[in-house]
Amino acid sequence: MHGTRKRATGPLLLALAVALAGGAGCGEKASASGEARSGGAAAPAARAIPRLVDLGAGKCIPCKAMAPILEQLRADYAGRMEVTFIDVWQAPEQATAHRIQMIPTQIFYGADGRELARHEGFMSREEILAQWKALGVEL
């Protein structure tokens, strides 16, 4: 205990590995997350509405397939549901903050900011809307 302290090297090494991999391994286990498009991690919206946070990467194939779905949901449910995309390759610290193990991962938050559910892998528009319904959230 003579001035030695433990360092948190695990997350740093993981972030470095993700950066060096250049995005290879989409759909595989990961432990870093980042933020891009509209909004931040789990901060509440200006008006309390449910929130879908999709964590992925711009070059990940299933993530790219979800992009138009998320954009359409954002447009169709504006003012009723917030849709946020976080690019974990651009902001790897967000993966740790959100406990991401695989991309894409969708996290469903209630209007009160509580996490209600999460899903790993591609999710269609119908599956997303069915998940909200199963959670009892009216959009």
C-alpha atoms as a PDB file:
ATOM      1  CA  MET A   1       0.000   0.000   0.000  1.00  0.00           C
ATOM      2  CA  HIS A   2       2.911   2.322  -0.631  1.00  0.00           C
ATOM      3  CA  GLY A   3       1.300   4.597  -3.166  1.00  0.00           C
ATOM      4  CA  THR A   4       0.462   1.805  -5.584  1.00  0.00           C
ATOM      5  CA  ARG A   5      -2.923   1.846  -7.169  1.00  0.00           C
ATOM      6  CA  LYS A   6      -4.727  -0.417  -9.557  1.00  0.00           C
ATOM      7  CA  ARG A   7      -5.331   0.794 -13.065  1.00  0.00           C
ATOM      8  CA  ALA A   8      -8.437   0.043 -15.101  1.00  0.00           C
ATOM      9  CA  THR A   9      -6.610  -1.384 -18.095  1.00  0.00           C
ATOM     10  CA  GLY A  10      -9.354  -3.768 -19.273  1.00  0.00           C
ATOM     11  CA  PRO A  11     -11.676  -1.133 -20.797  1.00  0.00           C
ATOM     12  CA  LEU A  12      -8.719   0.764 -22.250  1.00  0.00           C
ATOM     13  CA  LEU A  13      -7.308  -2.356 -23.909  1.00  0.00           C
ATOM     14  CA  LEU A  14     -10.738  -3.281 -25.235  1.00  0.00           C
ATOM     15  CA  ALA A  15     -11.263   0.177 -26.712  1.00  0.00           C
ATOM     16  CA  LEU A  16      -7.832  -0.048 -28.321  1.00  0.00           C
ATOM     17  CA  ALA A  17      -8.610  -3.498 -29.724  1.00  0.00           C
ATOM     18  CA  VAL A  18     -11.903  -2.256 -31.183  1.00  0.00           C
ATOM     19  CA  ALA A  19     -10.166   0.735 -32.751  1.00  0.00           C
ATOM     20  CA  LEU A  20      -7.390  -1.411 -34.221  1.00  0.00           C
ATOM     21  CA  ALA A  21      -9.867  -3.959 -35.558  1.00  0.00           C
ATOM     22  CA  GLY A  22     -11.409  -1.175 -37.616  1.00  0.00           C
ATOM     23  CA  GLY A  23     -14.880  -2.539 -37.177  1.00  0.00           C
ATOM     24  CA  ALA A  24     -14.257  -6.183 -37.940  1.00  0.00           C
ATOM     25  CA  GLY A  25     -16.437  -8.421 -35.841  1.00  0.00           C
ATOM     26  CA  CYS A  26     -19.794  -6.746 -36.267  1.00  0.00           C
ATOM     27  CA  GLY A  27     -22.372  -8.886 -34.541  1.00  0.00           C
ATOM     28  CA  GLU A  28     -19.725 -10.328 -32.243  1.00  0.00           C
ATOM     29  CA  LYS A  29     -19.163  -9.679 -28.587  1.00  0.00           C
ATOM     30  CA  ALA A  30     -17.850  -6.207 -27.829  1.00  0.00           C
ATOM     31  CA  SER A  31     -17.430  -4.144 -24.715  1.00  0.00           C
ATOM     32  CA  ALA A  32     -17.196  -0.576 -25.926  1.00  0.00           C
ATOM     33  CA  SER A  33     -19.954   1.782 -27.092  1.00  0.00           C
ATOM     34  CA  GLY A  34     -20.132   5.215 -28.719  1.00  0.00           C
ATOM     35  CA  GLU A  35     -22.541   7.908 -29.560  1.00  0.00           C
ATOM     36  CA  ALA A  36     -23.482   9.514 -32.822  1.00  0.00           C
ATOM     37  CA  ARG A  37     -26.822  10.779 -34.086  1.00  0.00           C
ATOM     38  CA  SER A  38     -29.521  12.399 -31.962  1.00  0.00           C
ATOM     39  CA  GLY A  39     -28.864  12.529 -28.258  1.00  0.00           C
ATOM     40  CA  GLY A  40     -26.777  10.964 -25.547  1.00  0.00           C
ATOM     41  CA  ALA A  41     -26.761   7.819 -23.495  1.00  0.00           C
ATOM     42  CA  ALA A  42     -29.681   7.557 -21.099  1.00  0.00           C
ATOM     43  CA  ALA A  43     -30.337  11.212 -20.372  1.00  0.00           C
ATOM     44  CA  PRO A  44     -34.041  11.974 -20.211  1.00  0.00           C
ATOM     45  CA  ALA A  45     -35.609  13.810 -23.130  1.00  0.00           C
ATOM     46  CA  ALA A  46     -36.899  17.377 -22.720  1.00  0.00           C
ATOM     47  CA  ARG A  47     -40.425  15.941 -22.522  1.00  0.00           C
ATOM     48  CA  ALA A  48     -40.820  12.569 -20.855  1.00  0.00           C
ATOM     49  CA  ILE A  49     -41.333  10.112 -23.724  1.00  0.00           C
ATOM     50  CA  PRO A  50     -40.150   6.524 -24.232  1.00  0.00           C
ATOM     51  CA  ARG A  51     -36.733   6.159 -25.785  1.00  0.00           C
ATOM     52  CA  LEU A  52     -35.123   3.581 -28.047  1.00  0.00           C
ATOM     53  CA  VAL A  53     -31.324   3.613 -28.036  1.00  0.00           C
ATOM     54  CA  ASP A  54     -29.614   1.573 -30.740  1.00  0.00           C
ATOM     55  CA  LEU A  55     -25.912   0.939 -30.193  1.00  0.00           C
ATOM     56  CA  GLY A  56     -24.004  -0.175 -33.256  1.00  0.00           C
ATOM     57  CA  ALA A  57     -21.513   1.067 -35.817  1.00  0.00           C
ATOM     58  CA  GLY A  58     -21.742   2.767 -39.172  1.00  0.00           C
ATOM     59  CA  LYS A  59     -19.859  -0.006 -40.992  1.00  0.00           C
ATOM     60  CA  CYS A  60     -21.541  -2.974 -39.291  1.00  0.00           C
ATOM     61  CA  ILE A  61     -23.788  -4.775 -41.819  1.00  0.00           C
ATOM     62  CA  PRO A  62     -26.800  -5.442 -39.526  1.00  0.00           C
ATOM     63  CA  CYS A  63     -26.401  -1.938 -38.075  1.00  0.00           C
ATOM     64  CA  LYS A  64     -26.487  -0.439 -41.579  1.00  0.00           C
ATOM     65  CA  ALA A  65     -29.623  -2.467 -42.320  1.00  0.00           C
ATOM     66  CA  MET A  66     -31.279  -0.983 -39.235  1.00  0.00           C
ATOM     67  CA  ALA A  67     -30.425   2.644 -40.089  1.00  0.00           C
ATOM     68  CA  PRO A  68     -33.421   3.280 -42.406  1.00  0.00           C
ATOM     69  CA  ILE A  69     -35.732   1.536 -39.923  1.00  0.00           C
ATOM     70  CA  LEU A  70     -34.548   3.826 -37.127  1.00  0.00           C
ATOM     71  CA  GLU A  71     -34.858   6.906 -39.334  1.00  0.00           C
ATOM     72  CA  GLN A  72     -38.420   5.989 -40.286  1.00  0.00           C
ATOM     73  CA  LEU A  73     -39.378   5.280 -36.657  1.00  0.00           C
ATOM     74  CA  ARG A  74     -37.849   8.630 -35.670  1.00  0.00           C
ATOM     75  CA  ALA A  75     -40.014  10.385 -38.272  1.00  0.00           C
ATOM     76  CA  ASP A  76     -43.211   8.380 -37.709  1.00  0.00           C
ATOM     77  CA  TYR A  77     -43.137   8.641 -33.918  1.00  0.00           C
ATOM     78  CA  ALA A  78     -41.686  12.146 -33.483  1.00  0.00           C
ATOM     79  CA  GLY A  79     -42.911  13.581 -30.205  1.00  0.00           C
ATOM     80  CA  ARG A  80     -44.060  10.147 -28.999  1.00  0.00           C
ATOM     81  CA  MET A  81     -40.775   8.194 -28.968  1.00  0.00           C
ATOM     82  CA  GLU A  82     -37.170   9.304 -29.084  1.00  0.00           C
ATOM     83  CA  VAL A  83     -34.887   7.213 -31.299  1.00  0.00           C
ATOM     84  CA  THR A  84     -31.142   7.524 -30.752  1.00  0.00           C
ATOM     85  CA  PHE A  85     -28.229   5.826 -32.525  1.00  0.00           C
ATOM     86  CA  ILE A  86     -24.871   5.529 -30.774  1.00  0.00           C
ATOM     87  CA  ASP A  87     -21.851   4.514 -32.859  1.00  0.00           C
ATOM     88  CA  VAL A  88     -19.653   2.445 -30.550  1.00  0.00           C
ATOM     89  CA  TRP A  89     -16.683   2.607 -32.887  1.00  0.00           C
ATOM     90  CA  GLN A  90     -16.711   6.412 -32.802  1.00  0.00           C
ATOM     91  CA  ALA A  91     -17.416   6.670 -29.064  1.00  0.00           C
ATOM     92  CA  PRO A  92     -16.176   3.416 -27.475  1.00  0.00           C
ATOM     93  CA  GLU A  93     -16.659   4.692 -23.919  1.00  0.00           C
ATOM     94  CA  GLN A  94     -20.408   4.453 -24.460  1.00  0.00           C
ATOM     95  CA  ALA A  95     -20.236   0.632 -24.811  1.00  0.00           C
ATOM     96  CA  THR A  96     -18.931   0.317 -21.291  1.00  0.00           C
ATOM     97  CA  ALA A  97     -21.461   2.833 -19.990  1.00  0.00           C
ATOM     98  CA  HIS A  98     -24.299   0.831 -21.571  1.00  0.00           C
ATOM     99  CA  ARG A  99     -22.803  -2.621 -20.794  1.00  0.00           C
ATOM    100  CA  ILE A 100     -22.771  -3.546 -24.478  1.00  0.00           C
ATOM    101  CA  GLN A 101     -21.576  -7.061 -25.321  1.00  0.00           C
ATOM    102  CA  MET A 102     -22.648  -7.270 -28.980  1.00  0.00           C
ATOM    103  CA  ILE A 103     -23.741  -4.889 -31.733  1.00  0.00           C
ATOM    104  CA  PRO A 104     -26.278  -3.940 -32.674  1.00  0.00           C
ATOM    105  CA  THR A 105     -27.991  -3.714 -29.280  1.00  0.00           C
ATOM    106  CA  GLN A 106     -31.310  -1.955 -28.759  1.00  0.00           C
ATOM    107  CA  ILE A 107     -32.209  -0.612 -25.310  1.00  0.00           C
ATOM    108  CA  PHE A 108     -35.815   0.328 -24.557  1.00  0.00           C
ATOM    109  CA  TYR A 109     -36.299   3.049 -21.917  1.00  0.00           C
ATOM    110  CA  GLY A 110     -39.590   4.086 -20.383  1.00  0.00           C
ATOM    111  CA  ALA A 111     -40.638   7.726 -20.186  1.00  0.00           C
ATOM    112  CA  ASP A 112     -39.234   7.729 -16.640  1.00  0.00           C
ATOM    113  CA  GLY A 113     -35.755   6.822 -17.945  1.00  0.00           C
ATOM    114  CA  ARG A 114     -35.744   3.257 -16.590  1.00  0.00           C
ATOM    115  CA  GLU A 115     -34.427   0.502 -18.836  1.00  0.00           C
ATOM    116  CA  LEU A 116     -37.346  -1.752 -19.702  1.00  0.00           C
ATOM    117  CA  ALA A 117     -35.718  -4.234 -22.078  1.00  0.00           C
ATOM    118  CA  ARG A 118     -32.744  -4.833 -24.345  1.00  0.00           C
ATOM    119  CA  HIS A 119     -32.171  -6.883 -27.482  1.00  0.00           C
ATOM    120  CA  GLU A 120     -28.962  -7.961 -29.217  1.00  0.00           C
ATOM    121  CA  GLY A 121     -28.841  -8.302 -32.997  1.00  0.00           C
ATOM    122  CA  PHE A 122     -30.868  -6.989 -35.910  1.00  0.00           C
ATOM    123  CA  MET A 123     -34.427  -5.956 -35.062  1.00  0.00           C
ATOM    124  CA  SER A 124     -37.094  -5.171 -37.660  1.00  0.00           C
ATOM    125  CA  ARG A 125     -39.580  -2.313 -37.384  1.00  0.00           C
ATOM    126  CA  GLU A 126     -42.332  -4.819 -36.591  1.00  0.00           C
ATOM    127  CA  GLU A 127     -40.244  -6.432 -33.850  1.00  0.00           C
ATOM    128  CA  ILE A 128     -39.421  -3.037 -32.315  1.00  0.00           C
ATOM    129  CA  LEU A 129     -43.071  -1.994 -32.260  1.00  0.00           C
ATOM    130  CA  ALA A 130     -44.090  -5.419 -30.892  1.00  0.00           C
ATOM    131  CA  GLN A 131     -41.518  -5.021 -28.105  1.00  0.00           C
ATOM    132  CA  TRP A 132     -42.988  -1.648 -27.094  1.00  0.00           C
ATOM    133  CA  LYS A 133     -46.460  -3.207 -27.092  1.00  0.00           C
ATOM    134  CA  ALA A 134     -45.273  -6.171 -24.994  1.00  0.00           C
ATOM    135  CA  LEU A 135     -43.820  -3.686 -22.512  1.00  0.00           C
ATOM    136  CA  GLY A 136     -47.215  -1.977 -22.286  1.00  0.00           C
ATOM    137  CA  VAL A 137     -45.954   1.259 -23.831  1.00  0.00           C
ATOM    138  CA  GLU A 138     -48.494   3.070 -26.014  1.00  0.00           C
ATOM    139  CA  LEU A 139     -46.814   5.062 -28.771  1.00  0.00           C
END
